[in-house]
Amino acid sequence: MHELGITRNIVAIVAEAAQGKRVHRVVLEVGKLGGVMPDAIAFCFDVVAQGTAVEGAKLDIVEVAGAACCRRCEAEFEILNLFTACACGSRDVAVTRGEELMIKTMDVEEAA
């Protein structure tokens, strides 16, 4: 399960960015085409965050739908997988959205 390693990296990045302050919430964007299982990240998050500034933080995962642009007709359209063809029949498409894995925001305790 590579999601465990991904979750460890997410927690490490957030903890470093928090600079020792307590993190209350993390918003993560996960593309539906990226091959990452959001449920597995959510499952690992609390365990991986133990003993860090991220411990106890709420994890919100926003799933991003896939989209592509046809190189033949330049139409933009939603895709459910990487093998989706354009309505014009072309499979020569560029994925424009849906492969992201990004820490979008985090809520950190303000300094006293």
PDB file of N, CA and C in Angstrom:
ATOM      1  N   MET A   1       0.860  -1.181   0.000  1.00  0.00           N
ATOM      2  CA  MET A   1       0.000   0.000   0.000  1.00  0.00           C
ATOM      3  C   MET A   1       0.900   1.236   0.000  1.00  0.00           C
ATOM      4  N   HIS A   2       1.050   1.874  -1.149  1.00  0.00           N
ATOM      5  CA  HIS A   2       1.906   3.054  -1.240  1.00  0.00           C
ATOM      6  C   HIS A   2       1.277   4.277  -0.580  1.00  0.00           C
ATOM      7  N   GLU A   3      -0.001   4.205  -0.247  1.00  0.00           N
ATOM      8  CA  GLU A   3      -0.664   5.328   0.425  1.00  0.00           C
ATOM      9  C   GLU A   3      -0.068   5.595   1.803  1.00  0.00           C
ATOM     10  N   LEU A   4       0.467   4.565   2.460  1.00  0.00           N
ATOM     11  CA  LEU A   4       1.104   4.768   3.760  1.00  0.00           C
ATOM     12  C   LEU A   4       2.313   5.688   3.612  1.00  0.00           C
ATOM     13  N   GLY A   5       3.150   5.432   2.631  1.00  0.00           N
ATOM     14  CA  GLY A   5       4.313   6.294   2.370  1.00  0.00           C
ATOM     15  C   GLY A   5       3.900   7.692   1.966  1.00  0.00           C
ATOM     16  N   ILE A   6       2.860   7.796   1.153  1.00  0.00           N
ATOM     17  CA  ILE A   6       2.352   9.108   0.738  1.00  0.00           C
ATOM     18  C   ILE A   6       1.851   9.873   1.957  1.00  0.00           C
ATOM     19  N   THR A   7       1.120   9.190   2.826  1.00  0.00           N
ATOM     20  CA  THR A   7       0.587   9.839   4.035  1.00  0.00           C
ATOM     21  C   THR A   7       1.715  10.294   4.949  1.00  0.00           C
ATOM     22  N   ARG A   8       2.751   9.494   5.069  1.00  0.00           N
ATOM     23  CA  ARG A   8       3.919   9.910   5.877  1.00  0.00           C
ATOM     24  C   ARG A   8       4.526  11.190   5.315  1.00  0.00           C
ATOM     25  N   ASN A   9       4.636  11.273   4.001  1.00  0.00           N
ATOM     26  CA  ASN A   9       5.187  12.476   3.376  1.00  0.00           C
ATOM     27  C   ASN A   9       4.282  13.683   3.589  1.00  0.00           C
ATOM     28  N   ILE A  10       2.982  13.485   3.477  1.00  0.00           N
ATOM     29  CA  ILE A  10       2.033  14.578   3.702  1.00  0.00           C
ATOM     30  C   ILE A  10       2.181  15.115   5.117  1.00  0.00           C
ATOM     31  N   VAL A  11       2.193  14.230   6.097  1.00  0.00           N
ATOM     32  CA  VAL A  11       2.319  14.640   7.496  1.00  0.00           C
ATOM     33  C   VAL A  11       3.649  15.348   7.730  1.00  0.00           C
ATOM     34  N   ALA A  12       4.721  14.841   7.148  1.00  0.00           N
ATOM     35  CA  ALA A  12       6.036  15.474   7.317  1.00  0.00           C
ATOM     36  C   ALA A  12       6.060  16.876   6.716  1.00  0.00           C
ATOM     37  N   ILE A  13       5.474  17.043   5.541  1.00  0.00           N
ATOM     38  CA  ILE A  13       5.440  18.355   4.890  1.00  0.00           C
ATOM     39  C   ILE A  13       4.622  19.341   5.711  1.00  0.00           C
ATOM     40  N   VAL A  14       3.452  18.907   6.169  1.00  0.00           N
ATOM     41  CA  VAL A  14       2.576  19.778   6.967  1.00  0.00           C
ATOM     42  C   VAL A  14       3.251  20.142   8.285  1.00  0.00           C
ATOM     43  N   ALA A  15       3.851  19.163   8.969  1.00  0.00           N
ATOM     44  CA  ALA A  15       4.511  19.431  10.250  1.00  0.00           C
ATOM     45  C   ALA A  15       5.659  20.414  10.071  1.00  0.00           C
ATOM     46  N   GLU A  16       6.431  20.267   9.011  1.00  0.00           N
ATOM     47  CA  GLU A  16       7.540  21.191   8.757  1.00  0.00           C
ATOM     48  C   GLU A  16       7.023  22.603   8.477  1.00  0.00           C
ATOM     49  N   ALA A  17       5.974  22.692   7.674  1.00  0.00           N
ATOM     50  CA  ALA A  17       5.415  24.006   7.337  1.00  0.00           C
ATOM     51  C   ALA A  17       4.795  24.684   8.559  1.00  0.00           C
ATOM     52  N   ALA A  18       4.293  23.889   9.501  1.00  0.00           N
ATOM     53  CA  ALA A  18       3.672  24.443  10.711  1.00  0.00           C
ATOM     54  C   ALA A  18       4.694  25.022  11.671  1.00  0.00           C
ATOM     55  N   GLN A  19       5.938  24.700  11.498  1.00  0.00           N
ATOM     56  CA  GLN A  19       7.034  25.228  12.312  1.00  0.00           C
ATOM     57  C   GLN A  19       6.775  25.081  13.810  1.00  0.00           C
ATOM     58  N   GLY A  20       6.360  23.882  14.217  1.00  0.00           N
ATOM     59  CA  GLY A  20       6.153  23.594  15.634  1.00  0.00           C
ATOM     60  C   GLY A  20       4.791  23.968  16.181  1.00  0.00           C
ATOM     61  N   LYS A  21       3.980  24.675  15.418  1.00  0.00           N
ATOM     62  CA  LYS A  21       2.635  25.037  15.870  1.00  0.00           C
ATOM     63  C   LYS A  21       1.685  23.866  15.628  1.00  0.00           C
ATOM     64  N   ARG A  22       0.657  23.773  16.463  1.00  0.00           N
ATOM     65  CA  ARG A  22      -0.335  22.705  16.329  1.00  0.00           C
ATOM     66  C   ARG A  22      -1.171  22.912  15.074  1.00  0.00           C
ATOM     67  N   VAL A  23      -1.369  21.843  14.317  1.00  0.00           N
ATOM     68  CA  VAL A  23      -2.190  21.865  13.102  1.00  0.00           C
ATOM     69  C   VAL A  23      -3.580  21.359  13.466  1.00  0.00           C
ATOM     70  N   HIS A  24      -4.610  22.101  13.052  1.00  0.00           N
ATOM     71  CA  HIS A  24      -5.984  21.726  13.370  1.00  0.00           C
ATOM     72  C   HIS A  24      -6.698  21.061  12.197  1.00  0.00           C
ATOM     73  N   ARG A  25      -6.306  21.403  10.983  1.00  0.00           N
ATOM     74  CA  ARG A  25      -7.018  20.890   9.809  1.00  0.00           C
ATOM     75  C   ARG A  25      -6.093  20.890   8.612  1.00  0.00           C
ATOM     76  N   VAL A  26      -6.210  19.853   7.784  1.00  0.00           N
ATOM     77  CA  VAL A  26      -5.457  19.752   6.539  1.00  0.00           C
ATOM     78  C   VAL A  26      -6.450  19.444   5.429  1.00  0.00           C
ATOM     79  N   VAL A  27      -6.380  20.210   4.338  1.00  0.00           N
ATOM     80  CA  VAL A  27      -7.216  19.954   3.169  1.00  0.00           C
ATOM     81  C   VAL A  27      -6.313  19.433   2.067  1.00  0.00           C
ATOM     82  N   LEU A  28      -6.643  18.257   1.579  1.00  0.00           N
ATOM     83  CA  LEU A  28      -5.850  17.570   0.576  1.00  0.00           C
ATOM     84  C   LEU A  28      -6.685  17.384  -0.685  1.00  0.00           C
ATOM     85  N   GLU A  29      -6.124  17.722  -1.836  1.00  0.00           N
ATOM     86  CA  GLU A  29      -6.780  17.460  -3.121  1.00  0.00           C
ATOM     87  C   GLU A  29      -6.172  16.206  -3.725  1.00  0.00           C
ATOM     88  N   VAL A  30      -7.044  15.266  -4.091  1.00  0.00           N
ATOM     89  CA  VAL A  30      -6.600  14.010  -4.681  1.00  0.00           C
ATOM     90  C   VAL A  30      -7.348  13.806  -5.998  1.00  0.00           C
ATOM     91  N   GLY A  31      -6.598  13.720  -7.085  1.00  0.00           N
ATOM     92  CA  GLY A  31      -7.199  13.493  -8.396  1.00  0.00           C
ATOM     93  C   GLY A  31      -7.682  12.062  -8.539  1.00  0.00           C
ATOM     94  N   LYS A  32      -8.836  11.893  -9.161  1.00  0.00           N
ATOM     95  CA  LYS A  32      -9.417  10.567  -9.339  1.00  0.00           C
ATOM     96  C   LYS A  32      -8.617   9.705 -10.313  1.00  0.00           C
ATOM     97  N   LEU A  33      -7.744  10.325 -11.093  1.00  0.00           N
ATOM     98  CA  LEU A  33      -6.946   9.577 -12.068  1.00  0.00           C
ATOM     99  C   LEU A  33      -5.539   9.280 -11.565  1.00  0.00           C
ATOM    100  N   GLY A  34      -5.206   9.712 -10.369  1.00  0.00           N
ATOM    101  CA  GLY A  34      -3.841   9.632  -9.870  1.00  0.00           C
ATOM    102  C   GLY A  34      -3.412   8.296  -9.304  1.00  0.00           C
ATOM    103  N   GLY A  35      -4.332   7.359  -9.171  1.00  0.00           N
ATOM    104  CA  GLY A  35      -3.968   6.055  -8.648  1.00  0.00           C
ATOM    105  C   GLY A  35      -3.771   6.021  -7.143  1.00  0.00           C
ATOM    106  N   VAL A  36      -4.238   7.049  -6.454  1.00  0.00           N
ATOM    107  CA  VAL A  36      -4.121   7.117  -5.005  1.00  0.00           C
ATOM    108  C   VAL A  36      -5.524   6.954  -4.415  1.00  0.00           C
ATOM    109  N   MET A  37      -5.634   6.094  -3.409  1.00  0.00           N
ATOM    110  CA  MET A  37      -6.933   5.830  -2.792  1.00  0.00           C
ATOM    111  C   MET A  37      -7.153   6.766  -1.603  1.00  0.00           C
ATOM    112  N   PRO A  38      -8.077   7.726  -1.730  1.00  0.00           N
ATOM    113  CA  PRO A  38      -8.337   8.665  -0.636  1.00  0.00           C
ATOM    114  C   PRO A  38      -8.705   7.979   0.678  1.00  0.00           C
ATOM    115  N   ASP A  39      -9.464   6.901   0.614  1.00  0.00           N
ATOM    116  CA  ASP A  39      -9.858   6.197   1.839  1.00  0.00           C
ATOM    117  C   ASP A  39      -8.647   5.625   2.566  1.00  0.00           C
ATOM    118  N   ALA A  40      -7.662   5.155   1.817  1.00  0.00           N
ATOM    119  CA  ALA A  40      -6.460   4.600   2.431  1.00  0.00           C
ATOM    120  C   ALA A  40      -5.636   5.701   3.096  1.00  0.00           C
ATOM    121  N   ILE A  41      -5.563   6.875   2.475  1.00  0.00           N
ATOM    122  CA  ILE A  41      -4.855   8.000   3.098  1.00  0.00           C
ATOM    123  C   ILE A  41      -5.568   8.404   4.386  1.00  0.00           C
ATOM    124  N   ALA A  42      -6.885   8.492   4.336  1.00  0.00           N
ATOM    125  CA  ALA A  42      -7.665   8.849   5.526  1.00  0.00           C
ATOM    126  C   ALA A  42      -7.460   7.821   6.638  1.00  0.00           C
ATOM    127  N   PHE A  43      -7.387   6.550   6.274  1.00  0.00           N
ATOM    128  CA  PHE A  43      -7.184   5.472   7.236  1.00  0.00           C
ATOM    129  C   PHE A  43      -5.829   5.598   7.932  1.00  0.00           C
ATOM    130  N   CYS A  44      -4.801   5.952   7.172  1.00  0.00           N
ATOM    131  CA  CYS A  44      -3.432   6.041   7.703  1.00  0.00           C
ATOM    132  C   CYS A  44      -3.148   7.342   8.452  1.00  0.00           C
ATOM    133  N   PHE A  45      -3.883   8.381   8.158  1.00  0.00           N
ATOM    134  CA  PHE A  45      -3.547   9.727   8.611  1.00  0.00           C
ATOM    135  C   PHE A  45      -3.380   9.846  10.126  1.00  0.00           C
ATOM    136  N   ASP A  46      -4.357   9.403  10.900  1.00  0.00           N
ATOM    137  CA  ASP A  46      -4.297   9.566  12.361  1.00  0.00           C
ATOM    138  C   ASP A  46      -3.121   8.812  12.967  1.00  0.00           C
ATOM    139  N   VAL A  47      -2.853   7.624  12.449  1.00  0.00           N
ATOM    140  CA  VAL A  47      -1.749   6.819  12.983  1.00  0.00           C
ATOM    141  C   VAL A  47      -0.410   7.472  12.666  1.00  0.00           C
ATOM    142  N   VAL A  48      -0.249   7.918  11.432  1.00  0.00           N
ATOM    143  CA  VAL A  48       1.012   8.535  11.002  1.00  0.00           C
ATOM    144  C   VAL A  48       1.246   9.868  11.718  1.00  0.00           C
ATOM    145  N   ALA A  49       0.173  10.589  12.025  1.00  0.00           N
ATOM    146  CA  ALA A  49       0.295  11.912  12.647  1.00  0.00           C
ATOM    147  C   ALA A  49       0.629  11.850  14.131  1.00  0.00           C
ATOM    148  N   GLN A  50       0.501  10.691  14.759  1.00  0.00           N
ATOM    149  CA  GLN A  50       0.772  10.582  16.193  1.00  0.00           C
ATOM    150  C   GLN A  50       2.187  11.041  16.523  1.00  0.00           C
ATOM    151  N   GLY A  51       2.274  11.867  17.570  1.00  0.00           N
ATOM    152  CA  GLY A  51       3.566  12.357  18.025  1.00  0.00           C
ATOM    153  C   GLY A  51       4.114  13.529  17.226  1.00  0.00           C
ATOM    154  N   THR A  52       3.304  14.068  16.310  1.00  0.00           N
ATOM    155  CA  THR A  52       3.729  15.224  15.515  1.00  0.00           C
ATOM    156  C   THR A  52       2.799  16.401  15.787  1.00  0.00           C
ATOM    157  N   ALA A  53       3.119  17.556  15.224  1.00  0.00           N
ATOM    158  CA  ALA A  53       2.266  18.741  15.350  1.00  0.00           C
ATOM    159  C   ALA A  53       0.925  18.550  14.634  1.00  0.00           C
ATOM    160  N   VAL A  54       0.825  17.490  13.850  1.00  0.00           N
ATOM    161  CA  VAL A  54      -0.390  17.214  13.076  1.00  0.00           C
ATOM    162  C   VAL A  54      -1.345  16.291  13.837  1.00  0.00           C
ATOM    163  N   GLU A  55      -0.895  15.736  14.952  1.00  0.00           N
ATOM    164  CA  GLU A  55      -1.729  14.814  15.727  1.00  0.00           C
ATOM    165  C   GLU A  55      -3.040  15.488  16.113  1.00  0.00           C
ATOM    166  N   GLY A  56      -4.145  14.810  15.861  1.00  0.00           N
ATOM    167  CA  GLY A  56      -5.471  15.325  16.190  1.00  0.00           C
ATOM    168  C   GLY A  56      -6.083  16.218  15.129  1.00  0.00           C
ATOM    169  N   ALA A  57      -5.338  16.516  14.077  1.00  0.00           N
ATOM    170  CA  ALA A  57      -5.861  17.387  13.011  1.00  0.00           C
ATOM    171  C   ALA A  57      -6.939  16.655  12.217  1.00  0.00           C
ATOM    172  N   LYS A  58      -7.877  17.412  11.727  1.00  0.00           N
ATOM    173  CA  LYS A  58      -8.932  16.875  10.863  1.00  0.00           C
ATOM    174  C   LYS A  58      -8.394  16.867   9.440  1.00  0.00           C
ATOM    175  N   LEU A  59      -8.600  15.772   8.731  1.00  0.00           N
ATOM    176  CA  LEU A  59      -8.193  15.660   7.333  1.00  0.00           C
ATOM    177  C   LEU A  59      -9.419  15.738   6.451  1.00  0.00           C
ATOM    178  N   ASP A  60      -9.454  16.728   5.569  1.00  0.00           N
ATOM    179  CA  ASP A  60     -10.516  16.841   4.575  1.00  0.00           C
ATOM    180  C   ASP A  60      -9.909  16.524   3.218  1.00  0.00           C
ATOM    181  N   ILE A  61     -10.480  15.548   2.538  1.00  0.00           N
ATOM    182  CA  ILE A  61      -9.989  15.154   1.218  1.00  0.00           C
ATOM    183  C   ILE A  61     -11.010  15.569   0.174  1.00  0.00           C
ATOM    184  N   VAL A  62     -10.544  16.348  -0.793  1.00  0.00           N
ATOM    185  CA  VAL A  62     -11.378  16.791  -1.906  1.00  0.00           C
ATOM    186  C   VAL A  62     -10.937  16.005  -3.134  1.00  0.00           C
ATOM    187  N   GLU A  63     -11.851  15.218  -3.694  1.00  0.00           N
ATOM    188  CA  GLU A  63     -11.522  14.454  -4.885  1.00  0.00           C
ATOM    189  C   GLU A  63     -11.738  15.324  -6.119  1.00  0.00           C
ATOM    190  N   VAL A  64     -10.754  15.317  -7.010  1.00  0.00           N
ATOM    191  CA  VAL A  64     -10.792  16.138  -8.217  1.00  0.00           C
ATOM    192  C   VAL A  64     -11.093  15.244  -9.420  1.00  0.00           C
ATOM    193  N   ALA A  65     -12.158  15.572 -10.133  1.00  0.00           N
ATOM    194  CA  ALA A  65     -12.552  14.796 -11.309  1.00  0.00           C
ATOM    195  C   ALA A  65     -11.526  14.944 -12.428  1.00  0.00           C
ATOM    196  N   GLY A  66     -11.471  13.953 -13.273  1.00  0.00           N
ATOM    197  CA  GLY A  66     -10.550  13.994 -14.402  1.00  0.00           C
ATOM    198  C   GLY A  66     -11.095  14.828 -15.549  1.00  0.00           C
ATOM    199  N   ALA A  67     -10.200  15.488 -16.266  1.00  0.00           N
ATOM    200  CA  ALA A  67     -10.572  16.271 -17.447  1.00  0.00           C
ATOM    201  C   ALA A  67      -9.432  16.179 -18.456  1.00  0.00           C
ATOM    202  N   ALA A  68      -9.799  16.373 -19.726  1.00  0.00           N
ATOM    203  CA  ALA A  68      -8.797  16.306 -20.791  1.00  0.00           C
ATOM    204  C   ALA A  68      -9.149  17.287 -21.894  1.00  0.00           C
ATOM    205  N   CYS A  69      -8.165  17.541 -22.746  1.00  0.00           N
ATOM    206  CA  CYS A  69      -8.345  18.396 -23.922  1.00  0.00           C
ATOM    207  C   CYS A  69      -7.917  17.572 -25.133  1.00  0.00           C
ATOM    208  N   CYS A  70      -8.776  17.542 -26.126  1.00  0.00           N
ATOM    209  CA  CYS A  70      -8.488  16.800 -27.353  1.00  0.00           C
ATOM    210  C   CYS A  70      -7.488  17.578 -28.200  1.00  0.00           C
ATOM    211  N   ARG A  71      -6.452  16.906 -28.635  1.00  0.00           N
ATOM    212  CA  ARG A  71      -5.445  17.565 -29.463  1.00  0.00           C
ATOM    213  C   ARG A  71      -5.924  17.735 -30.909  1.00  0.00           C
ATOM    214  N   ARG A  72      -6.927  16.978 -31.313  1.00  0.00           N
ATOM    215  CA  ARG A  72      -7.442  17.091 -32.676  1.00  0.00           C
ATOM    216  C   ARG A  72      -8.463  18.233 -32.797  1.00  0.00           C
ATOM    217  N   CYS A  73      -9.508  18.199 -31.962  1.00  0.00           N
ATOM    218  CA  CYS A  73     -10.586  19.193 -32.099  1.00  0.00           C
ATOM    219  C   CYS A  73     -10.551  20.262 -31.017  1.00  0.00           C
ATOM    220  N   GLU A  74      -9.649  20.125 -30.047  1.00  0.00           N
ATOM    221  CA  GLU A  74      -9.462  21.075 -28.950  1.00  0.00           C
ATOM    222  C   GLU A  74     -10.635  21.146 -27.979  1.00  0.00           C
ATOM    223  N   ALA A  75     -11.501  20.154 -28.008  1.00  0.00           N
ATOM    224  CA  ALA A  75     -12.611  20.101 -27.053  1.00  0.00           C
ATOM    225  C   ALA A  75     -12.084  19.734 -25.675  1.00  0.00           C
ATOM    226  N   GLU A  76     -12.675  20.326 -24.645  1.00  0.00           N
ATOM    227  CA  GLU A  76     -12.355  19.975 -23.280  1.00  0.00           C
ATOM    228  C   GLU A  76     -13.522  19.157 -22.739  1.00  0.00           C
ATOM    229  N   PHE A  77     -13.202  18.060 -22.022  1.00  0.00           N
ATOM    230  CA  PHE A  77     -14.254  17.173 -21.554  1.00  0.00           C
ATOM    231  C   PHE A  77     -13.806  16.413 -20.321  1.00  0.00           C
ATOM    232  N   GLU A  78     -14.796  15.914 -19.576  1.00  0.00           N
ATOM    233  CA  GLU A  78     -14.513  15.137 -18.369  1.00  0.00           C
ATOM    234  C   GLU A  78     -14.169  13.714 -18.765  1.00  0.00           C
ATOM    235  N   ILE A  79     -13.219  13.119 -18.043  1.00  0.00           N
ATOM    236  CA  ILE A  79     -12.848  11.733 -18.304  1.00  0.00           C
ATOM    237  C   ILE A  79     -12.922  10.938 -17.007  1.00  0.00           C
ATOM    238  N   LEU A  80     -13.308   9.681 -17.141  1.00  0.00           N
ATOM    239  CA  LEU A  80     -13.412   8.800 -15.978  1.00  0.00           C
ATOM    240  C   LEU A  80     -12.163   7.949 -15.797  1.00  0.00           C
ATOM    241  N   ASN A  81     -11.390   7.799 -16.887  1.00  0.00           N
ATOM    242  CA  ASN A  81     -10.147   7.048 -16.826  1.00  0.00           C
ATOM    243  C   ASN A  81      -9.203   7.562 -17.913  1.00  0.00           C
ATOM    244  N   LEU A  82      -7.998   7.065 -17.914  1.00  0.00           N
ATOM    245  CA  LEU A  82      -6.984   7.565 -18.843  1.00  0.00           C
ATOM    246  C   LEU A  82      -7.170   7.055 -20.275  1.00  0.00           C
ATOM    247  N   PHE A  83      -8.174   6.219 -20.502  1.00  0.00           N
ATOM    248  CA  PHE A  83      -8.406   5.651 -21.830  1.00  0.00           C
ATOM    249  C   PHE A  83      -9.638   6.229 -22.513  1.00  0.00           C
ATOM    250  N   THR A  84     -10.219   7.265 -21.934  1.00  0.00           N
ATOM    251  CA  THR A  84     -11.426   7.874 -22.481  1.00  0.00           C
ATOM    252  C   THR A  84     -11.107   8.620 -23.768  1.00  0.00           C
ATOM    253  N   ALA A  85     -11.911   8.367 -24.802  1.00  0.00           N
ATOM    254  CA  ALA A  85     -11.745   9.053 -26.089  1.00  0.00           C
ATOM    255  C   ALA A  85     -12.617  10.301 -26.121  1.00  0.00           C
ATOM    256  N   CYS A  86     -12.225  11.238 -26.955  1.00  0.00           N
ATOM    257  CA  CYS A  86     -13.015  12.452 -27.188  1.00  0.00           C
ATOM    258  C   CYS A  86     -14.274  12.075 -27.971  1.00  0.00           C
ATOM    259  N   ALA A  87     -15.285  12.926 -27.907  1.00  0.00           N
ATOM    260  CA  ALA A  87     -16.513  12.706 -28.665  1.00  0.00           C
ATOM    261  C   ALA A  87     -16.244  12.648 -30.173  1.00  0.00           C
ATOM    262  N   CYS A  88     -15.152  13.273 -30.631  1.00  0.00           N
ATOM    263  CA  CYS A  88     -14.816  13.241 -32.062  1.00  0.00           C
ATOM    264  C   CYS A  88     -14.171  11.907 -32.457  1.00  0.00           C
ATOM    265  N   GLY A  89     -13.892  11.060 -31.459  1.00  0.00           N
ATOM    266  CA  GLY A  89     -13.305   9.744 -31.723  1.00  0.00           C
ATOM    267  C   GLY A  89     -11.813   9.663 -31.483  1.00  0.00           C
ATOM    268  N   SER A  90     -11.173  10.781 -31.328  1.00  0.00           N
ATOM    269  CA  SER A  90      -9.728  10.798 -31.128  1.00  0.00           C
ATOM    270  C   SER A  90      -9.366  10.339 -29.717  1.00  0.00           C
ATOM    271  N   ARG A  91      -8.290   9.587 -29.626  1.00  0.00           N
ATOM    272  CA  ARG A  91      -7.738   9.201 -28.327  1.00  0.00           C
ATOM    273  C   ARG A  91      -6.472  10.003 -28.031  1.00  0.00           C
ATOM    274  N   ASP A  92      -6.168  10.950 -28.901  1.00  0.00           N
ATOM    275  CA  ASP A  92      -5.006  11.819 -28.706  1.00  0.00           C
ATOM    276  C   ASP A  92      -5.434  12.992 -27.838  1.00  0.00           C
ATOM    277  N   VAL A  93      -5.417  12.755 -26.525  1.00  0.00           N
ATOM    278  CA  VAL A  93      -5.897  13.756 -25.581  1.00  0.00           C
ATOM    279  C   VAL A  93      -4.815  14.049 -24.548  1.00  0.00           C
ATOM    280  N   ALA A  94      -4.869  15.251 -23.991  1.00  0.00           N
ATOM    281  CA  ALA A  94      -3.963  15.658 -22.919  1.00  0.00           C
ATOM    282  C   ALA A  94      -4.770  15.786 -21.634  1.00  0.00           C
ATOM    283  N   VAL A  95      -4.373  15.063 -20.614  1.00  0.00           N
ATOM    284  CA  VAL A  95      -5.046  15.150 -19.320  1.00  0.00           C
ATOM    285  C   VAL A  95      -4.729  16.516 -18.720  1.00  0.00           C
ATOM    286  N   THR A  96      -5.767  17.235 -18.327  1.00  0.00           N
ATOM    287  CA  THR A  96      -5.583  18.585 -17.774  1.00  0.00           C
ATOM    288  C   THR A  96      -5.916  18.669 -16.291  1.00  0.00           C
ATOM    289  N   ARG A  97      -6.632  17.667 -15.787  1.00  0.00           N
ATOM    290  CA  ARG A  97      -7.020  17.684 -14.370  1.00  0.00           C
ATOM    291  C   ARG A  97      -7.328  16.255 -13.941  1.00  0.00           C
ATOM    292  N   GLY A  98      -7.054  15.965 -12.672  1.00  0.00           N
ATOM    293  CA  GLY A  98      -7.428  14.668 -12.126  1.00  0.00           C
ATOM    294  C   GLY A  98      -6.261  13.820 -11.675  1.00  0.00           C
ATOM    295  N   GLU A  99      -5.033  14.284 -11.897  1.00  0.00           N
ATOM    296  CA  GLU A  99      -3.864  13.524 -11.467  1.00  0.00           C
ATOM    297  C   GLU A  99      -3.167  14.168 -10.262  1.00  0.00           C
ATOM    298  N   GLU A 100      -3.746  15.227  -9.727  1.00  0.00           N
ATOM    299  CA  GLU A 100      -3.084  15.965  -8.654  1.00  0.00           C
ATOM    300  C   GLU A 100      -3.131  15.234  -7.322  1.00  0.00           C
ATOM    301  N   LEU A 101      -2.154  15.525  -6.518  1.00  0.00           N
ATOM    302  CA  LEU A 101      -2.099  15.138  -5.115  1.00  0.00           C
ATOM    303  C   LEU A 101      -1.437  16.327  -4.433  1.00  0.00           C
ATOM    304  N   MET A 102      -2.266  17.171  -3.803  1.00  0.00           N
ATOM    305  CA  MET A 102      -1.774  18.456  -3.325  1.00  0.00           C
ATOM    306  C   MET A 102      -2.335  18.790  -1.953  1.00  0.00           C
ATOM    307  N   ILE A 103      -1.453  19.289  -1.099  1.00  0.00           N
ATOM    308  CA  ILE A 103      -1.898  19.848   0.174  1.00  0.00           C
ATOM    309  C   ILE A 103      -2.415  21.239  -0.170  1.00  0.00           C
ATOM    310  N   LYS A 104      -3.718  21.405  -0.144  1.00  0.00           N
ATOM    311  CA  LYS A 104      -4.336  22.657  -0.578  1.00  0.00           C
ATOM    312  C   LYS A 104      -4.226  23.730   0.502  1.00  0.00           C
ATOM    313  N   THR A 105      -4.633  23.401   1.722  1.00  0.00           N
ATOM    314  CA  THR A 105      -4.547  24.352   2.837  1.00  0.00           C
ATOM    315  C   THR A 105      -4.337  23.593   4.135  1.00  0.00           C
ATOM    316  N   MET A 106      -3.939  24.355   5.137  1.00  0.00           N
ATOM    317  CA  MET A 106      -3.850  23.792   6.488  1.00  0.00           C
ATOM    318  C   MET A 106      -4.164  24.904   7.476  1.00  0.00           C
ATOM    319  N   ASP A 107      -4.871  24.547   8.539  1.00  0.00           N
ATOM    320  CA  ASP A 107      -5.190  25.498   9.606  1.00  0.00           C
ATOM    321  C   ASP A 107      -4.229  25.232  10.763  1.00  0.00           C
ATOM    322  N   VAL A 108      -3.515  26.285  11.144  1.00  0.00           N
ATOM    323  CA  VAL A 108      -2.483  26.157  12.168  1.00  0.00           C
ATOM    324  C   VAL A 108      -2.830  27.088  13.328  1.00  0.00           C
ATOM    325  N   GLU A 109      -2.534  26.623  14.530  1.00  0.00           N
ATOM    326  CA  GLU A 109      -2.753  27.422  15.734  1.00  0.00           C
ATOM    327  C   GLU A 109      -1.931  28.695  15.667  1.00  0.00           C
ATOM    328  N   GLU A 110      -2.556  29.813  15.996  1.00  0.00           N
ATOM    329  CA  GLU A 110      -1.819  31.073  15.976  1.00  0.00           C
ATOM    330  C   GLU A 110      -0.899  31.161  17.183  1.00  0.00           C
ATOM    331  N   ALA A 111       0.203  31.870  16.999  1.00  0.00           N
ATOM    332  CA  ALA A 111       1.160  32.047  18.093  1.00  0.00           C
ATOM    333  C   ALA A 111       0.554  32.939  19.171  1.00  0.00           C
ATOM    334  N   ALA A 112       0.874  32.626  20.422  1.00  0.00           N
ATOM    335  CA  ALA A 112       0.344  33.400  21.550  1.00  0.00           C
ATOM    336  C   ALA A 112       1.105  34.683  21.744  1.00  0.00           C
TER     337      ALA A 112
END
